[in-house]
Amino acid sequence: MFSHVMLGADDIDSSKTFYDAALGALGARPAMVDPKGRAMYMQNGGIFMLSKPIDGQPATNANGSTVGFAAESPEAADAFHKAGLAHGGTAIEDPPGWREGNGMKLYLAYLRDPAGNKICAMHIG
C-alpha cells in the first residue's frame, strides 16, 4: 500500500546517526544521503526518508502519528530500542514487551527520535 515514508528533521546528521543505529539493529544498511541532503533507507521494497522541510520552516512531529518498523523477533525489537536510546532517542509508552488484545499478540518497542517523531519496532507473535 505504501511506497515510502518521509519524516522531517532539522538536524539530518543527528537523525541519520540515530536511524543508522536503530534501523541497523533491524538489518537495514546505513542511509544514503542524496545531493539535496535527504537521508534514504531502502529495505524489503520499502523506502524511509529524512528531510529538512521544503518550506524552510522547522520540522515538527505529528501528534497522534507513529511510524512502525517490522522486527523479525522480540530480540530485534529490543536491539532497535537499545540502539535508539544509545543514539539520541527517548523511551516512551510502556517498556518494550508483548501487548495482547482483539486476538492479536504484538511485541512493541516505542521511541521518539531526535526530532521528536514517534516510532516503533513491532514483531507479530
PDB file of N, CA and C in Angstrom:
ATOM      1  N   MET A   1       0.813  -1.192   0.000  1.00  0.00           N
ATOM      2  CA  MET A   1       0.000   0.000   0.000  1.00  0.00           C
ATOM      3  C   MET A   1       0.857   1.257   0.000  1.00  0.00           C
ATOM      4  N   PHE A   2       1.941   1.279   0.756  1.00  0.00           N
ATOM      5  CA  PHE A   2       2.770   2.479   0.859  1.00  0.00           C
ATOM      6  C   PHE A   2       4.014   2.335   0.005  1.00  0.00           C
ATOM      7  N   SER A   3       4.399   3.437  -0.632  1.00  0.00           N
ATOM      8  CA  SER A   3       5.647   3.431  -1.391  1.00  0.00           C
ATOM      9  C   SER A   3       6.814   3.901  -0.534  1.00  0.00           C
ATOM     10  N   HIS A   4       6.531   4.877   0.350  1.00  0.00           N
ATOM     11  CA  HIS A   4       7.595   5.410   1.189  1.00  0.00           C
ATOM     12  C   HIS A   4       6.997   6.210   2.346  1.00  0.00           C
ATOM     13  N   VAL A   5       7.850   6.465   3.323  1.00  0.00           N
ATOM     14  CA  VAL A   5       7.516   7.344   4.442  1.00  0.00           C
ATOM     15  C   VAL A   5       8.658   8.346   4.544  1.00  0.00           C
ATOM     16  N   MET A   6       8.322   9.631   4.691  1.00  0.00           N
ATOM     17  CA  MET A   6       9.334  10.659   4.882  1.00  0.00           C
ATOM     18  C   MET A   6       8.993  11.447   6.131  1.00  0.00           C
ATOM     19  N   LEU A   7       9.991  11.633   6.987  1.00  0.00           N
ATOM     20  CA  LEU A   7       9.826  12.434   8.195  1.00  0.00           C
ATOM     21  C   LEU A   7      10.721  13.653   8.106  1.00  0.00           C
ATOM     22  N   GLY A   8      10.254  14.743   8.681  1.00  0.00           N
ATOM     23  CA  GLY A   8      11.047  15.956   8.741  1.00  0.00           C
ATOM     24  C   GLY A   8      12.024  15.910   9.900  1.00  0.00           C
ATOM     25  N   ALA A   9      13.189  16.481   9.683  1.00  0.00           N
ATOM     26  CA  ALA A   9      14.210  16.590  10.725  1.00  0.00           C
ATOM     27  C   ALA A   9      15.041  17.833  10.440  1.00  0.00           C
ATOM     28  N   ASP A  10      15.283  18.633  11.448  1.00  0.00           N
ATOM     29  CA  ASP A  10      16.111  19.824  11.271  1.00  0.00           C
ATOM     30  C   ASP A  10      17.595  19.484  11.234  1.00  0.00           C
ATOM     31  N   ASP A  11      17.996  18.455  11.970  1.00  0.00           N
ATOM     32  CA  ASP A  11      19.396  18.028  12.035  1.00  0.00           C
ATOM     33  C   ASP A  11      19.490  16.637  11.406  1.00  0.00           C
ATOM     34  N   ILE A  12      19.723  16.594  10.111  1.00  0.00           N
ATOM     35  CA  ILE A  12      19.766  15.321   9.382  1.00  0.00           C
ATOM     36  C   ILE A  12      20.903  14.445   9.909  1.00  0.00           C
ATOM     37  N   ASP A  13      22.054  15.035  10.221  1.00  0.00           N
ATOM     38  CA  ASP A  13      23.179  14.225  10.703  1.00  0.00           C
ATOM     39  C   ASP A  13      22.824  13.495  11.998  1.00  0.00           C
ATOM     40  N   SER A  14      22.222  14.206  12.955  1.00  0.00           N
ATOM     41  CA  SER A  14      21.826  13.584  14.218  1.00  0.00           C
ATOM     42  C   SER A  14      20.777  12.505  13.991  1.00  0.00           C
ATOM     43  N   SER A  15      19.793  12.805  13.147  1.00  0.00           N
ATOM     44  CA  SER A  15      18.747  11.823  12.860  1.00  0.00           C
ATOM     45  C   SER A  15      19.315  10.620  12.124  1.00  0.00           C
ATOM     46  N   LYS A  16      20.237  10.840  11.193  1.00  0.00           N
ATOM     47  CA  LYS A  16      20.858   9.735  10.464  1.00  0.00           C
ATOM     48  C   LYS A  16      21.641   8.841  11.418  1.00  0.00           C
ATOM     49  N   THR A  17      22.389   9.430  12.343  1.00  0.00           N
ATOM     50  CA  THR A  17      23.130   8.638  13.325  1.00  0.00           C
ATOM     51  C   THR A  17      22.175   7.756  14.129  1.00  0.00           C
ATOM     52  N   PHE A  18      21.060   8.346  14.563  1.00  0.00           N
ATOM     53  CA  PHE A  18      20.042   7.608  15.318  1.00  0.00           C
ATOM     54  C   PHE A  18      19.468   6.462  14.482  1.00  0.00           C
ATOM     55  N   TYR A  19      18.995   6.764  13.270  1.00  0.00           N
ATOM     56  CA  TYR A  19      18.348   5.743  12.444  1.00  0.00           C
ATOM     57  C   TYR A  19      19.339   4.721  11.899  1.00  0.00           C
ATOM     58  N   ASP A  20      20.580   5.110  11.623  1.00  0.00           N
ATOM     59  CA  ASP A  20      21.576   4.114  11.221  1.00  0.00           C
ATOM     60  C   ASP A  20      21.709   3.046  12.309  1.00  0.00           C
ATOM     61  N   ALA A  21      21.700   3.471  13.567  1.00  0.00           N
ATOM     62  CA  ALA A  21      21.824   2.523  14.681  1.00  0.00           C
ATOM     63  C   ALA A  21      20.535   1.743  14.907  1.00  0.00           C
ATOM     64  N   ALA A  22      19.411   2.453  15.034  1.00  0.00           N
ATOM     65  CA  ALA A  22      18.141   1.789  15.355  1.00  0.00           C
ATOM     66  C   ALA A  22      17.687   0.868  14.223  1.00  0.00           C
ATOM     67  N   LEU A  23      17.708   1.366  12.986  1.00  0.00           N
ATOM     68  CA  LEU A  23      17.299   0.521  11.864  1.00  0.00           C
ATOM     69  C   LEU A  23      18.363  -0.514  11.523  1.00  0.00           C
ATOM     70  N   GLY A  24      19.620  -0.200  11.811  1.00  0.00           N
ATOM     71  CA  GLY A  24      20.686  -1.193  11.640  1.00  0.00           C
ATOM     72  C   GLY A  24      20.446  -2.416  12.502  1.00  0.00           C
ATOM     73  N   ALA A  25      19.879  -2.198  13.686  1.00  0.00           N
ATOM     74  CA  ALA A  25      19.539  -3.330  14.573  1.00  0.00           C
ATOM     75  C   ALA A  25      18.446  -4.208  13.973  1.00  0.00           C
ATOM     76  N   LEU A  26      17.698  -3.665  13.005  1.00  0.00           N
ATOM     77  CA  LEU A  26      16.658  -4.431  12.313  1.00  0.00           C
ATOM     78  C   LEU A  26      17.144  -4.950  10.955  1.00  0.00           C
ATOM     79  N   GLY A  27      18.425  -4.758  10.665  1.00  0.00           N
ATOM     80  CA  GLY A  27      19.002  -5.286   9.438  1.00  0.00           C
ATOM     81  C   GLY A  27      19.146  -4.301   8.302  1.00  0.00           C
ATOM     82  N   ALA A  28      18.780  -3.036   8.503  1.00  0.00           N
ATOM     83  CA  ALA A  28      18.899  -2.034   7.445  1.00  0.00           C
ATOM     84  C   ALA A  28      20.341  -1.542   7.317  1.00  0.00           C
ATOM     85  N   ARG A  29      20.714  -1.196   6.093  1.00  0.00           N
ATOM     86  CA  ARG A  29      22.025  -0.594   5.853  1.00  0.00           C
ATOM     87  C   ARG A  29      21.969   0.880   6.208  1.00  0.00           C
ATOM     88  N   PRO A  30      23.120   1.505   6.505  1.00  0.00           N
ATOM     89  CA  PRO A  30      23.128   2.950   6.763  1.00  0.00           C
ATOM     90  C   PRO A  30      22.522   3.716   5.592  1.00  0.00           C
ATOM     91  N   ALA A  31      21.950   4.860   5.910  1.00  0.00           N
ATOM     92  CA  ALA A  31      21.281   5.671   4.890  1.00  0.00           C
ATOM     93  C   ALA A  31      22.255   6.194   3.853  1.00  0.00           C
ATOM     94  N   MET A  32      21.725   6.335   2.643  1.00  0.00           N
ATOM     95  CA  MET A  32      22.409   7.089   1.599  1.00  0.00           C
ATOM     96  C   MET A  32      21.914   8.525   1.749  1.00  0.00           C
ATOM     97  N   VAL A  33      22.769   9.491   1.488  1.00  0.00           N
ATOM     98  CA  VAL A  33      22.357  10.888   1.527  1.00  0.00           C
ATOM     99  C   VAL A  33      22.427  11.426   0.103  1.00  0.00           C
ATOM    100  N   ASP A  34      21.303  11.952  -0.376  1.00  0.00           N
ATOM    101  CA  ASP A  34      21.252  12.436  -1.755  1.00  0.00           C
ATOM    102  C   ASP A  34      21.800  13.868  -1.845  1.00  0.00           C
ATOM    103  N   PRO A  35      21.954  14.400  -3.049  1.00  0.00           N
ATOM    104  CA  PRO A  35      22.504  15.756  -3.206  1.00  0.00           C
ATOM    105  C   PRO A  35      21.690  16.847  -2.508  1.00  0.00           C
ATOM    106  N   LYS A  36      20.418  16.601  -2.223  1.00  0.00           N
ATOM    107  CA  LYS A  36      19.596  17.578  -1.512  1.00  0.00           C
ATOM    108  C   LYS A  36      19.714  17.434   0.008  1.00  0.00           C
ATOM    109  N   GLY A  37      20.549  16.505   0.478  1.00  0.00           N
ATOM    110  CA  GLY A  37      20.760  16.325   1.915  1.00  0.00           C
ATOM    111  C   GLY A  37      19.756  15.425   2.597  1.00  0.00           C
ATOM    112  N   ARG A  38      18.936  14.707   1.836  1.00  0.00           N
ATOM    113  CA  ARG A  38      17.945  13.796   2.419  1.00  0.00           C
ATOM    114  C   ARG A  38      18.588  12.438   2.662  1.00  0.00           C
ATOM    115  N   ALA A  39      18.303  11.853   3.822  1.00  0.00           N
ATOM    116  CA  ALA A  39      18.794  10.512   4.139  1.00  0.00           C
ATOM    117  C   ALA A  39      17.748   9.497   3.702  1.00  0.00           C
ATOM    118  N   MET A  40      18.197   8.418   3.033  1.00  0.00           N
ATOM    119  CA  MET A  40      17.270   7.431   2.482  1.00  0.00           C
ATOM    120  C   MET A  40      17.703   6.024   2.859  1.00  0.00           C
ATOM    121  N   TYR A  41      16.735   5.275   3.421  1.00  0.00           N
ATOM    122  CA  TYR A  41      16.916   3.862   3.750  1.00  0.00           C
ATOM    123  C   TYR A  41      16.010   3.057   2.835  1.00  0.00           C
ATOM    124  N   MET A  42      16.550   1.977   2.248  1.00  0.00           N
ATOM    125  CA  MET A  42      15.738   1.095   1.407  1.00  0.00           C
ATOM    126  C   MET A  42      15.942  -0.333   1.898  1.00  0.00           C
ATOM    127  N   GLN A  43      14.817  -1.010   2.152  1.00  0.00           N
ATOM    128  CA  GLN A  43      14.887  -2.395   2.613  1.00  0.00           C
ATOM    129  C   GLN A  43      13.568  -3.089   2.313  1.00  0.00           C
ATOM    130  N   ASN A  44      13.649  -4.296   1.799  1.00  0.00           N
ATOM    131  CA  ASN A  44      12.468  -5.122   1.535  1.00  0.00           C
ATOM    132  C   ASN A  44      11.389  -4.386   0.747  1.00  0.00           C
ATOM    133  N   GLY A  45      11.785  -3.577  -0.221  1.00  0.00           N
ATOM    134  CA  GLY A  45      10.835  -2.873  -1.067  1.00  0.00           C
ATOM    135  C   GLY A  45      10.282  -1.587  -0.488  1.00  0.00           C
ATOM    136  N   GLY A  46      10.621  -1.253   0.751  1.00  0.00           N
ATOM    137  CA  GLY A  46      10.148  -0.025   1.381  1.00  0.00           C
ATOM    138  C   GLY A  46      11.236   1.038   1.401  1.00  0.00           C
ATOM    139  N   ILE A  47      10.812   2.288   1.398  1.00  0.00           N
ATOM    140  CA  ILE A  47      11.745   3.412   1.472  1.00  0.00           C
ATOM    141  C   ILE A  47      11.341   4.281   2.653  1.00  0.00           C
ATOM    142  N   PHE A  48      12.319   4.623   3.480  1.00  0.00           N
ATOM    143  CA  PHE A  48      12.131   5.522   4.609  1.00  0.00           C
ATOM    144  C   PHE A  48      13.125   6.655   4.430  1.00  0.00           C
ATOM    145  N   MET A  49      12.630   7.915   4.510  1.00  0.00           N
ATOM    146  CA  MET A  49      13.488   9.067   4.263  1.00  0.00           C
ATOM    147  C   MET A  49      13.378  10.110   5.370  1.00  0.00           C
ATOM    148  N   LEU A  50      14.445  10.870   5.519  1.00  0.00           N
ATOM    149  CA  LEU A  50      14.503  12.006   6.431  1.00  0.00           C
ATOM    150  C   LEU A  50      14.870  13.232   5.615  1.00  0.00           C
ATOM    151  N   SER A  51      14.167  14.332   5.840  1.00  0.00           N
ATOM    152  CA  SER A  51      14.405  15.533   5.047  1.00  0.00           C
ATOM    153  C   SER A  51      14.146  16.781   5.874  1.00  0.00           C
ATOM    154  N   LYS A  52      14.926  17.824   5.607  1.00  0.00           N
ATOM    155  CA  LYS A  52      14.562  19.132   6.143  1.00  0.00           C
ATOM    156  C   LYS A  52      13.300  19.564   5.411  1.00  0.00           C
ATOM    157  N   PRO A  53      12.357  20.218   6.093  1.00  0.00           N
ATOM    158  CA  PRO A  53      11.129  20.645   5.411  1.00  0.00           C
ATOM    159  C   PRO A  53      11.426  21.540   4.207  1.00  0.00           C
ATOM    160  N   ILE A  54      10.740  21.267   3.119  1.00  0.00           N
ATOM    161  CA  ILE A  54      10.937  22.012   1.874  1.00  0.00           C
ATOM    162  C   ILE A  54      10.538  23.480   2.027  1.00  0.00           C
ATOM    163  N   ASP A  55       9.568  23.770   2.909  1.00  0.00           N
ATOM    164  CA  ASP A  55       9.097  25.151   3.070  1.00  0.00           C
ATOM    165  C   ASP A  55      10.032  26.017   3.915  1.00  0.00           C
ATOM    166  N   GLY A  56      11.144  25.439   4.409  1.00  0.00           N
ATOM    167  CA  GLY A  56      12.102  26.207   5.194  1.00  0.00           C
ATOM    168  C   GLY A  56      11.717  26.413   6.649  1.00  0.00           C
ATOM    169  N   GLN A  57      10.534  25.952   7.036  1.00  0.00           N
ATOM    170  CA  GLN A  57      10.089  26.066   8.427  1.00  0.00           C
ATOM    171  C   GLN A  57      10.700  24.928   9.247  1.00  0.00           C
ATOM    172  N   PRO A  58      10.717  25.052  10.588  1.00  0.00           N
ATOM    173  CA  PRO A  58      11.236  23.973  11.417  1.00  0.00           C
ATOM    174  C   PRO A  58      10.407  22.691  11.259  1.00  0.00           C
ATOM    175  N   ALA A  59      11.087  21.562  11.371  1.00  0.00           N
ATOM    176  CA  ALA A  59      10.395  20.270  11.348  1.00  0.00           C
ATOM    177  C   ALA A  59       9.591  20.124  12.631  1.00  0.00           C
ATOM    178  N   THR A  60       8.434  19.520  12.521  1.00  0.00           N
ATOM    179  CA  THR A  60       7.605  19.221  13.689  1.00  0.00           C
ATOM    180  C   THR A  60       7.150  17.775  13.588  1.00  0.00           C
ATOM    181  N   ASN A  61       6.854  17.182  14.747  1.00  0.00           N
ATOM    182  CA  ASN A  61       6.342  15.815  14.720  1.00  0.00           C
ATOM    183  C   ASN A  61       4.823  15.861  14.698  1.00  0.00           C
ATOM    184  N   ALA A  62       4.231  14.823  14.166  1.00  0.00           N
ATOM    185  CA  ALA A  62       2.777  14.758  14.027  1.00  0.00           C
ATOM    186  C   ALA A  62       2.167  14.126  15.277  1.00  0.00           C
ATOM    187  N   ASN A  63       1.373  14.890  15.989  1.00  0.00           N
ATOM    188  CA  ASN A  63       0.721  14.381  17.189  1.00  0.00           C
ATOM    189  C   ASN A  63      -0.281  13.302  16.793  1.00  0.00           C
ATOM    190  N   GLY A  64      -0.159  12.121  17.385  1.00  0.00           N
ATOM    191  CA  GLY A  64      -1.045  11.009  17.082  1.00  0.00           C
ATOM    192  C   GLY A  64      -0.512  10.087  15.998  1.00  0.00           C
ATOM    193  N   SER A  65       0.638  10.389  15.429  1.00  0.00           N
ATOM    194  CA  SER A  65       1.202   9.565  14.369  1.00  0.00           C
ATOM    195  C   SER A  65       2.332   8.694  14.903  1.00  0.00           C
ATOM    196  N   THR A  66       2.467   7.517  14.315  1.00  0.00           N
ATOM    197  CA  THR A  66       3.561   6.607  14.635  1.00  0.00           C
ATOM    198  C   THR A  66       4.027   5.961  13.341  1.00  0.00           C
ATOM    199  N   VAL A  67       5.336   5.861  13.160  1.00  0.00           N
ATOM    200  CA  VAL A  67       5.896   5.094  12.058  1.00  0.00           C
ATOM    201  C   VAL A  67       6.390   3.792  12.659  1.00  0.00           C
ATOM    202  N   GLY A  68       5.900   2.665  12.117  1.00  0.00           N
ATOM    203  CA  GLY A  68       6.278   1.348  12.625  1.00  0.00           C
ATOM    204  C   GLY A  68       7.237   0.639  11.691  1.00  0.00           C
ATOM    205  N   PHE A  69       8.220  -0.023  12.287  1.00  0.00           N
ATOM    206  CA  PHE A  69       9.210  -0.797  11.549  1.00  0.00           C
ATOM    207  C   PHE A  69       9.084  -2.260  11.942  1.00  0.00           C
ATOM    208  N   ALA A  70       9.079  -3.156  10.952  1.00  0.00           N
ATOM    209  CA  ALA A  70       8.938  -4.586  11.203  1.00  0.00           C
ATOM    210  C   ALA A  70      10.207  -5.139  11.839  1.00  0.00           C
ATOM    211  N   ALA A  71      10.014  -5.930  12.885  1.00  0.00           N
ATOM    212  CA  ALA A  71      11.125  -6.605  13.562  1.00  0.00           C
ATOM    213  C   ALA A  71      10.947  -8.110  13.387  1.00  0.00           C
ATOM    214  N   GLU A  72      12.030  -8.810  13.074  1.00  0.00           N
ATOM    215  CA  GLU A  72      11.979 -10.256  12.863  1.00  0.00           C
ATOM    216  C   GLU A  72      11.712 -11.039  14.139  1.00  0.00           C
ATOM    217  N   SER A  73      11.997 -10.422  15.299  1.00  0.00           N
ATOM    218  CA  SER A  73      11.860 -11.119  16.579  1.00  0.00           C
ATOM    219  C   SER A  73      11.759 -10.089  17.701  1.00  0.00           C
ATOM    220  N   PRO A  74      11.330 -10.532  18.892  1.00  0.00           N
ATOM    221  CA  PRO A  74      11.365  -9.614  20.036  1.00  0.00           C
ATOM    222  C   PRO A  74      12.788  -9.125  20.326  1.00  0.00           C
ATOM    223  N   GLU A  75      13.767  -9.989  20.112  1.00  0.00           N
ATOM    224  CA  GLU A  75      15.158  -9.594  20.352  1.00  0.00           C
ATOM    225  C   GLU A  75      15.592  -8.484  19.398  1.00  0.00           C
ATOM    226  N   ALA A  76      15.129  -8.553  18.150  1.00  0.00           N
ATOM    227  CA  ALA A  76      15.450  -7.488  17.195  1.00  0.00           C
ATOM    228  C   ALA A  76      14.785  -6.177  17.611  1.00  0.00           C
ATOM    229  N   ALA A  77      13.550  -6.240  18.085  1.00  0.00           N
ATOM    230  CA  ALA A  77      12.865  -5.033  18.568  1.00  0.00           C
ATOM    231  C   ALA A  77      13.606  -4.448  19.760  1.00  0.00           C
ATOM    232  N   ASP A  78      14.074  -5.311  20.664  1.00  0.00           N
ATOM    233  CA  ASP A  78      14.855  -4.838  21.811  1.00  0.00           C
ATOM    234  C   ASP A  78      16.159  -4.189  21.359  1.00  0.00           C
ATOM    235  N   ALA A  79      16.821  -4.780  20.361  1.00  0.00           N
ATOM    236  CA  ALA A  79      18.075  -4.214  19.845  1.00  0.00           C
ATOM    237  C   ALA A  79      17.823  -2.843  19.211  1.00  0.00           C
ATOM    238  N   PHE A  80      16.718  -2.702  18.478  1.00  0.00           N
ATOM    239  CA  PHE A  80      16.296  -1.421  17.897  1.00  0.00           C
ATOM    240  C   PHE A  80      16.143  -0.381  19.006  1.00  0.00           C
ATOM    241  N   HIS A  81      15.428  -0.754  20.062  1.00  0.00           N
ATOM    242  CA  HIS A  81      15.163   0.155  21.188  1.00  0.00           C
ATOM    243  C   HIS A  81      16.465   0.559  21.872  1.00  0.00           C
ATOM    244  N   LYS A  82      17.303  -0.412  22.155  1.00  0.00           N
ATOM    245  CA  LYS A  82      18.580  -0.147  22.839  1.00  0.00           C
ATOM    246  C   LYS A  82      19.481   0.745  21.984  1.00  0.00           C
ATOM    247  N   ALA A  83      19.586   0.439  20.679  1.00  0.00           N
ATOM    248  CA  ALA A  83      20.426   1.246  19.789  1.00  0.00           C
ATOM    249  C   ALA A  83      19.873   2.663  19.666  1.00  0.00           C
ATOM    250  N   GLY A  84      18.556   2.786  19.587  1.00  0.00           N
ATOM    251  CA  GLY A  84      17.949   4.107  19.503  1.00  0.00           C
ATOM    252  C   GLY A  84      18.220   4.947  20.737  1.00  0.00           C
ATOM    253  N   LEU A  85      18.085   4.331  21.911  1.00  0.00           N
ATOM    254  CA  LEU A  85      18.365   5.052  23.159  1.00  0.00           C
ATOM    255  C   LEU A  85      19.820   5.506  23.222  1.00  0.00           C
ATOM    256  N   ALA A  86      20.723   4.666  22.744  1.00  0.00           N
ATOM    257  CA  ALA A  86      22.152   4.985  22.788  1.00  0.00           C
ATOM    258  C   ALA A  86      22.547   6.065  21.789  1.00  0.00           C
ATOM    259  N   HIS A  87      21.644   6.391  20.854  1.00  0.00           N
ATOM    260  CA  HIS A  87      21.979   7.355  19.803  1.00  0.00           C
ATOM    261  C   HIS A  87      21.003   8.526  19.747  1.00  0.00           C
ATOM    262  N   GLY A  88      20.507   8.944  20.898  1.00  0.00           N
ATOM    263  CA  GLY A  88      19.723  10.168  20.984  1.00  0.00           C
ATOM    264  C   GLY A  88      18.226  10.002  21.051  1.00  0.00           C
ATOM    265  N   GLY A  89      17.727   8.764  21.057  1.00  0.00           N
ATOM    266  CA  GLY A  89      16.291   8.532  21.166  1.00  0.00           C
ATOM    267  C   GLY A  89      15.820   8.614  22.610  1.00  0.00           C
ATOM    268  N   THR A  90      14.506   8.686  22.772  1.00  0.00           N
ATOM    269  CA  THR A  90      13.890   8.770  24.097  1.00  0.00           C
ATOM    270  C   THR A  90      12.850   7.664  24.223  1.00  0.00           C
ATOM    271  N   ALA A  91      12.894   6.942  25.336  1.00  0.00           N
ATOM    272  CA  ALA A  91      11.904   5.896  25.587  1.00  0.00           C
ATOM    273  C   ALA A  91      10.552   6.530  25.897  1.00  0.00           C
ATOM    274  N   ILE A  92       9.493   5.980  25.296  1.00  0.00           N
ATOM    275  CA  ILE A  92       8.137   6.459  25.544  1.00  0.00           C
ATOM    276  C   ILE A  92       7.209   5.260  25.674  1.00  0.00           C
ATOM    277  N   GLU A  93       5.968   5.532  26.082  1.00  0.00           N
ATOM    278  CA  GLU A  93       4.955   4.485  26.237  1.00  0.00           C
ATOM    279  C   GLU A  93       5.423   3.484  27.291  1.00  0.00           C
ATOM    280  N   ASP A  94       4.899   2.266  27.221  1.00  0.00           N
ATOM    281  CA  ASP A  94       5.338   1.200  28.111  1.00  0.00           C
ATOM    282  C   ASP A  94       6.693   0.697  27.640  1.00  0.00           C
ATOM    283  N   PRO A  95       7.450   0.043  28.535  1.00  0.00           N
ATOM    284  CA  PRO A  95       8.721  -0.549  28.097  1.00  0.00           C
ATOM    285  C   PRO A  95       8.465  -1.579  26.992  1.00  0.00           C
ATOM    286  N   PRO A  96       9.486  -1.907  26.202  1.00  0.00           N
ATOM    287  CA  PRO A  96       9.296  -2.921  25.171  1.00  0.00           C
ATOM    288  C   PRO A  96       8.714  -4.200  25.768  1.00  0.00           C
ATOM    289  N   GLY A  97       7.768  -4.785  25.052  1.00  0.00           N
ATOM    290  CA  GLY A  97       7.164  -6.022  25.539  1.00  0.00           C
ATOM    291  C   GLY A  97       5.948  -6.415  24.736  1.00  0.00           C
ATOM    292  N   TRP A  98       5.369  -7.531  25.142  1.00  0.00           N
ATOM    293  CA  TRP A  98       4.194  -8.077  24.468  1.00  0.00           C
ATOM    294  C   TRP A  98       2.939  -7.312  24.847  1.00  0.00           C
ATOM    295  N   ARG A  99       2.083  -7.079  23.876  1.00  0.00           N
ATOM    296  CA  ARG A  99       0.752  -6.492  24.086  1.00  0.00           C
ATOM    297  C   ARG A  99      -0.240  -7.447  23.421  1.00  0.00           C
ATOM    298  N   GLU A 100      -1.332  -7.721  24.106  1.00  0.00           N
ATOM    299  CA  GLU A 100      -2.344  -8.625  23.557  1.00  0.00           C
ATOM    300  C   GLU A 100      -3.708  -7.972  23.602  1.00  0.00           C
ATOM    301  N   GLY A 101      -4.501  -8.240  22.588  1.00  0.00           N
ATOM    302  CA  GLY A 101      -5.861  -7.735  22.535  1.00  0.00           C
ATOM    303  C   GLY A 101      -6.471  -7.996  21.177  1.00  0.00           C
ATOM    304  N   ASN A 102      -7.773  -8.154  21.150  1.00  0.00           N
ATOM    305  CA  ASN A 102      -8.502  -8.393  19.901  1.00  0.00           C
ATOM    306  C   ASN A 102      -7.930  -9.571  19.112  1.00  0.00           C
ATOM    307  N   GLY A 103      -7.482 -10.601  19.832  1.00  0.00           N
ATOM    308  CA  GLY A 103      -6.946 -11.783  19.172  1.00  0.00           C
ATOM    309  C   GLY A 103      -5.558 -11.613  18.599  1.00  0.00           C
ATOM    310  N   MET A 104      -4.891 -10.505  18.917  1.00  0.00           N
ATOM    311  CA  MET A 104      -3.543 -10.260  18.396  1.00  0.00           C
ATOM    312  C   MET A 104      -2.527 -10.264  19.526  1.00  0.00           C
ATOM    313  N   LYS A 105      -1.327 -10.693  19.195  1.00  0.00           N
ATOM    314  CA  LYS A 105      -0.216 -10.658  20.128  1.00  0.00           C
ATOM    315  C   LYS A 105       0.943  -9.957  19.414  1.00  0.00           C
ATOM    316  N   LEU A 106       1.319  -8.777  19.920  1.00  0.00           N
ATOM    317  CA  LEU A 106       2.348  -7.956  19.298  1.00  0.00           C
ATOM    318  C   LEU A 106       3.444  -7.634  20.303  1.00  0.00           C
ATOM    319  N   TYR A 107       4.687  -7.664  19.850  1.00  0.00           N
ATOM    320  CA  TYR A 107       5.808  -7.205  20.663  1.00  0.00           C
ATOM    321  C   TYR A 107       6.155  -5.812  20.143  1.00  0.00           C
ATOM    322  N   LEU A 108       6.069  -4.802  21.003  1.00  0.00           N
ATOM    323  CA  LEU A 108       6.248  -3.410  20.611  1.00  0.00           C
ATOM    324  C   LEU A 108       7.368  -2.747  21.391  1.00  0.00           C
ATOM    325  N   ALA A 109       8.134  -1.913  20.720  1.00  0.00           N
ATOM    326  CA  ALA A 109       9.215  -1.141  21.345  1.00  0.00           C
ATOM    327  C   ALA A 109       9.153   0.287  20.785  1.00  0.00           C
ATOM    328  N   TYR A 110       8.665   1.225  21.603  1.00  0.00           N
ATOM    329  CA  TYR A 110       8.436   2.613  21.168  1.00  0.00           C
ATOM    330  C   TYR A 110       9.588   3.539  21.551  1.00  0.00           C
ATOM    331  N   LEU A 111       9.862   4.507  20.672  1.00  0.00           N
ATOM    332  CA  LEU A 111      10.854   5.552  20.910  1.00  0.00           C
ATOM    333  C   LEU A 111      10.372   6.853  20.285  1.00  0.00           C
ATOM    334  N   ARG A 112      10.968   7.954  20.712  1.00  0.00           N
ATOM    335  CA  ARG A 112      10.918   9.205  19.958  1.00  0.00           C
ATOM    336  C   ARG A 112      12.323   9.394  19.398  1.00  0.00           C
ATOM    337  N   ASP A 113      12.399   9.757  18.121  1.00  0.00           N
ATOM    338  CA  ASP A 113      13.702  10.001  17.505  1.00  0.00           C
ATOM    339  C   ASP A 113      14.213  11.373  17.930  1.00  0.00           C
ATOM    340  N   PRO A 114      15.436  11.757  17.543  1.00  0.00           N
ATOM    341  CA  PRO A 114      15.963  13.054  17.963  1.00  0.00           C
ATOM    342  C   PRO A 114      15.117  14.253  17.541  1.00  0.00           C
ATOM    343  N   ALA A 115      14.312  14.117  16.478  1.00  0.00           N
ATOM    344  CA  ALA A 115      13.447  15.205  16.028  1.00  0.00           C
ATOM    345  C   ALA A 115      12.076  15.165  16.697  1.00  0.00           C
ATOM    346  N   GLY A 116      11.827  14.168  17.570  1.00  0.00           N
ATOM    347  CA  GLY A 116      10.558  14.078  18.287  1.00  0.00           C
ATOM    348  C   GLY A 116       9.515  13.195  17.632  1.00  0.00           C
ATOM    349  N   ASN A 117       9.846  12.557  16.514  1.00  0.00           N
ATOM    350  CA  ASN A 117       8.895  11.676  15.848  1.00  0.00           C
ATOM    351  C   ASN A 117       8.716  10.381  16.640  1.00  0.00           C
ATOM    352  N   LYS A 118       7.484   9.905  16.717  1.00  0.00           N
ATOM    353  CA  LYS A 118       7.171   8.662  17.427  1.00  0.00           C
ATOM    354  C   LYS A 118       7.345   7.492  16.473  1.00  0.00           C
ATOM    355  N   ILE A 119       8.185   6.533  16.866  1.00  0.00           N
ATOM    356  CA  ILE A 119       8.446   5.367  16.056  1.00  0.00           C
ATOM    357  C   ILE A 119       8.324   4.111  16.909  1.00  0.00           C
ATOM    358  N   CYS A 120       8.227   2.967  16.254  1.00  0.00           N
ATOM    359  CA  CYS A 120       8.038   1.714  16.972  1.00  0.00           C
ATOM    360  C   CYS A 120       8.599   0.568  16.149  1.00  0.00           C
ATOM    361  N   ALA A 121       9.238  -0.372  16.822  1.00  0.00           N
ATOM    362  CA  ALA A 121       9.580  -1.662  16.198  1.00  0.00           C
ATOM    363  C   ALA A 121       8.498  -2.637  16.641  1.00  0.00           C
ATOM    364  N   MET A 122       7.967  -3.427  15.698  1.00  0.00           N
ATOM    365  CA  MET A 122       6.878  -4.341  16.014  1.00  0.00           C
ATOM    366  C   MET A 122       7.165  -5.730  15.463  1.00  0.00           C
ATOM    367  N   HIS A 123       6.975  -6.725  16.320  1.00  0.00           N
ATOM    368  CA  HIS A 123       7.049  -8.136  15.921  1.00  0.00           C
ATOM    369  C   HIS A 123       5.677  -8.742  16.180  1.00  0.00           C
ATOM    370  N   ILE A 124       5.126  -9.412  15.171  1.00  0.00           N
ATOM    371  CA  ILE A 124       3.835 -10.060  15.323  1.00  0.00           C
ATOM    372  C   ILE A 124       4.060 -11.466  15.848  1.00  0.00           C
ATOM    373  N   GLY A 125       3.415 -11.783  16.989  1.00  0.00           N
ATOM    374  CA  GLY A 125       3.583 -13.095  17.628  1.00  0.00           C
ATOM    375  C   GLY A 125       2.686 -14.136  17.031  1.00  0.00           C
TER     376      GLY A 125
END
